[in-house]
Structures are given as C-alpha cells and as structure tokens.
Amino acid sequence: MIKKLLELSNLETTISLRQKELLELEEKIEEKKRLLKQLSRKVRKYEEYNVAEKEAAVTVAVEAEPDSEKKVGEIARTDLVRLLESGRVPQSVIESLKDKRYSKDTFDLNFPMLREVTDMGKVDELKKDQ
C-alpha cells in the first residue's frame, strides 16, 4: 500500500511539473504572438510609407509640366534626366520604372521607361524598343 502511495505521489509531482512547463510554454507563445503583432504593424506602416513615397515621387514627376510645348522625347532627355539626377526619386520608383508591366500600366508604353546600362558599348542596342 505504501508503495502505491509513493507511486501516486511521484505521478502527481510529475504531472505538476508538466503543468508548470505547459504554462511556461503558453506564456512564451503569447509573448511571441505579441511580438508578431508588433512586427506586422511595423511592416504595414513601412509598406504604407513606401507606397506614399512612390506616389509622391510620381506626382512630382507628373506635376513638373514643361513651360513650353516640348515633345515627349525632349522631356525624357531633359526633364526626366534632371529629375532622376536630382536624387529626389526614391530607388523603389526607379525600380518600378525599369519594369515593363509598370511602364505599360502607368504610361501605356510597350517597353520599360528606364533600362539599366551595364555596358556603355551596348547603349545603342538598348535604345531600341524591345
């Protein structure tokens, strides 16, 4: 009978320890959930900021209407170059302008607005519509 009581006591102790471990794990899970929620909020704010930054840059570019009746090519060679060189256009916008689909959707172009030049010897080839 004493042996049974000792076994029962050991079982109760083991169960109590396991319950304590389980509670600690649940607390850790809740803390991870809180951290994940905070991170999700930060990501959402960053994405909203990035979209706002992109829209502002495009608005600046669009609102910078030329004073005279310039042709599109002249605007691209002068005003667009000046805007890009000013450093006011975020890198995310520049990356978008290199995307063919974005250029089609935004400017109705059948080619990317910008192309990256890695070999100056191929500039003439890159100028051709692809």
Protein backbone atom coordinates (compact mmCIF):
# COMPACT_ATOMS: atom_id res chain seq x y z
CA MET A 1 0.00 0.00 0.00
CA ILE A 2 2.83 2.44 0.85
CA LYS A 3 4.45 1.57 -2.47
CA LYS A 4 1.24 2.55 -4.28
CA LEU A 5 1.07 5.83 -2.38
CA LEU A 6 4.68 6.64 -3.29
CA GLU A 7 3.99 5.88 -6.96
CA LEU A 8 0.89 8.05 -6.83
CA SER A 9 2.85 10.86 -5.18
CA ASN A 10 5.56 10.63 -7.86
CA LEU A 11 2.90 10.74 -10.57
CA GLU A 12 1.31 13.80 -9.01
CA THR A 13 4.70 15.51 -8.81
CA THR A 14 5.42 14.67 -12.46
CA ILE A 15 2.01 15.94 -13.51
CA SER A 16 2.51 19.14 -11.53
CA LEU A 17 5.91 19.73 -13.17
CA ARG A 18 4.45 19.10 -16.62
CA GLN A 19 1.59 21.52 -15.95
CA LYS A 20 4.10 24.16 -14.89
CA GLU A 21 6.13 23.57 -18.07
CA LEU A 22 2.96 23.79 -20.12
CA LEU A 23 2.04 27.13 -18.53
CA GLU A 24 5.53 28.48 -19.24
CA LEU A 25 5.26 27.38 -22.86
CA GLU A 26 1.85 29.03 -23.19
CA GLU A 27 3.30 32.28 -21.81
CA LYS A 28 6.14 32.11 -24.33
CA ILE A 29 3.63 31.51 -27.13
CA GLU A 30 1.59 34.54 -26.03
CA GLU A 31 4.75 36.68 -25.95
CA LYS A 32 5.67 35.51 -29.47
CA LYS A 33 2.15 36.37 -30.64
CA ARG A 34 2.52 39.89 -29.19
CA LEU A 35 5.88 40.33 -30.90
CA LEU A 36 4.49 39.06 -34.19
CA LYS A 37 1.60 41.53 -33.94
CA GLN A 38 4.03 44.40 -33.33
CA LEU A 39 6.17 43.31 -36.26
CA SER A 40 3.11 43.07 -38.52
CA ARG A 41 2.14 46.63 -37.58
CA LYS A 42 5.65 47.87 -38.37
CA VAL A 43 5.64 46.08 -41.73
CA ARG A 44 2.25 47.57 -42.59
CA LYS A 45 3.47 51.08 -41.67
CA TYR A 46 6.61 50.58 -43.77
CA GLU A 47 4.57 49.41 -46.76
CA GLU A 48 2.18 52.36 -46.41
CA TYR A 49 5.15 54.74 -46.22
CA ASN A 50 6.74 53.11 -49.27
CA VAL A 51 3.53 53.47 -51.30
CA ALA A 52 3.13 57.09 -50.20
CA GLU A 53 6.76 57.80 -51.11
CA LYS A 54 6.26 56.26 -54.55
CA GLU A 55 3.05 58.19 -55.18
CA ALA A 56 4.68 61.46 -54.09
CA ALA A 57 7.60 60.96 -56.46
CA VAL A 58 5.31 60.14 -59.37
CA THR A 59 3.16 63.18 -58.54
CA VAL A 60 6.24 65.42 -58.53
CA ALA A 61 7.28 63.99 -61.89
CA VAL A 62 3.83 64.42 -63.39
CA GLU A 63 3.26 67.90 -61.98
CA ALA A 64 6.58 69.11 -63.36
CA GLU A 65 4.89 70.07 -66.61
CA PRO A 66 7.12 71.79 -69.11
CA ASP A 67 6.57 75.50 -69.71
CA SER A 68 6.58 75.14 -73.47
CA GLU A 69 5.21 72.59 -75.90
CA LYS A 70 8.04 70.09 -75.68
CA LYS A 71 7.93 66.76 -77.43
CA VAL A 72 7.87 63.62 -75.30
CA GLY A 73 11.39 62.61 -76.32
CA GLU A 74 12.76 66.02 -75.37
CA ILE A 75 11.05 65.82 -71.98
CA ALA A 76 12.56 62.37 -71.43
CA ARG A 77 16.04 63.59 -72.37
CA THR A 78 15.94 66.77 -70.28
CA ASP A 79 13.35 66.96 -67.53
CA LEU A 80 13.28 63.24 -66.69
CA VAL A 81 17.07 63.04 -66.61
CA ARG A 82 17.25 66.16 -64.40
CA LEU A 83 14.64 64.70 -62.03
CA LEU A 84 16.43 61.37 -61.78
CA GLU A 85 19.82 63.01 -61.25
CA SER A 86 18.41 65.26 -58.51
CA GLY A 87 18.19 62.31 -56.14
CA ARG A 88 14.57 63.13 -55.25
CA VAL A 89 13.24 59.98 -56.91
CA PRO A 90 13.26 57.04 -54.48
CA GLN A 91 15.05 53.87 -55.56
CA SER A 92 11.74 52.00 -55.38
CA VAL A 93 10.30 54.29 -58.07
CA ILE A 94 13.36 53.85 -60.25
CA GLU A 95 12.99 50.08 -59.93
CA SER A 96 9.33 50.37 -60.91
CA LEU A 97 10.24 52.45 -63.96
CA LYS A 98 12.54 49.62 -65.09
CA ASP A 99 9.59 47.21 -65.04
CA LYS A 100 7.88 46.69 -68.41
CA ARG A 101 4.45 45.97 -66.89
CA TYR A 102 4.58 49.05 -64.63
CA SER A 103 5.55 51.23 -67.60
CA LYS A 104 2.69 49.78 -69.64
CA ASP A 105 0.12 50.26 -66.87
CA THR A 106 1.32 53.73 -65.90
CA PHE A 107 2.48 55.32 -69.16
CA ASP A 108 0.99 52.98 -71.78
CA LEU A 109 4.49 52.16 -73.04
CA ASN A 110 5.33 48.84 -74.62
CA PHE A 111 8.79 48.89 -73.05
CA PRO A 112 10.27 49.85 -69.68
CA MET A 113 10.57 53.60 -69.09
CA LEU A 114 14.15 53.07 -67.86
CA ARG A 115 16.77 50.45 -68.62
CA GLU A 116 19.90 49.78 -66.64
CA VAL A 117 23.11 50.15 -68.65
CA THR A 118 25.95 47.93 -67.53
CA ASP A 119 27.97 48.08 -70.77
CA MET A 120 28.25 51.51 -72.39
CA GLY A 121 29.12 49.78 -75.69
CA LYS A 122 25.57 48.43 -75.86
CA VAL A 123 23.73 51.75 -75.35
CA ASP A 124 22.58 51.98 -78.98
CA GLU A 125 21.25 48.43 -78.80
CA LEU A 126 19.39 49.20 -75.56
CA LYS A 127 17.76 52.27 -77.10
CA LYS A 128 15.75 50.08 -79.45
CA ASP A 129 12.27 49.11 -78.26
CA GLN A 130 12.12 45.53 -77.07
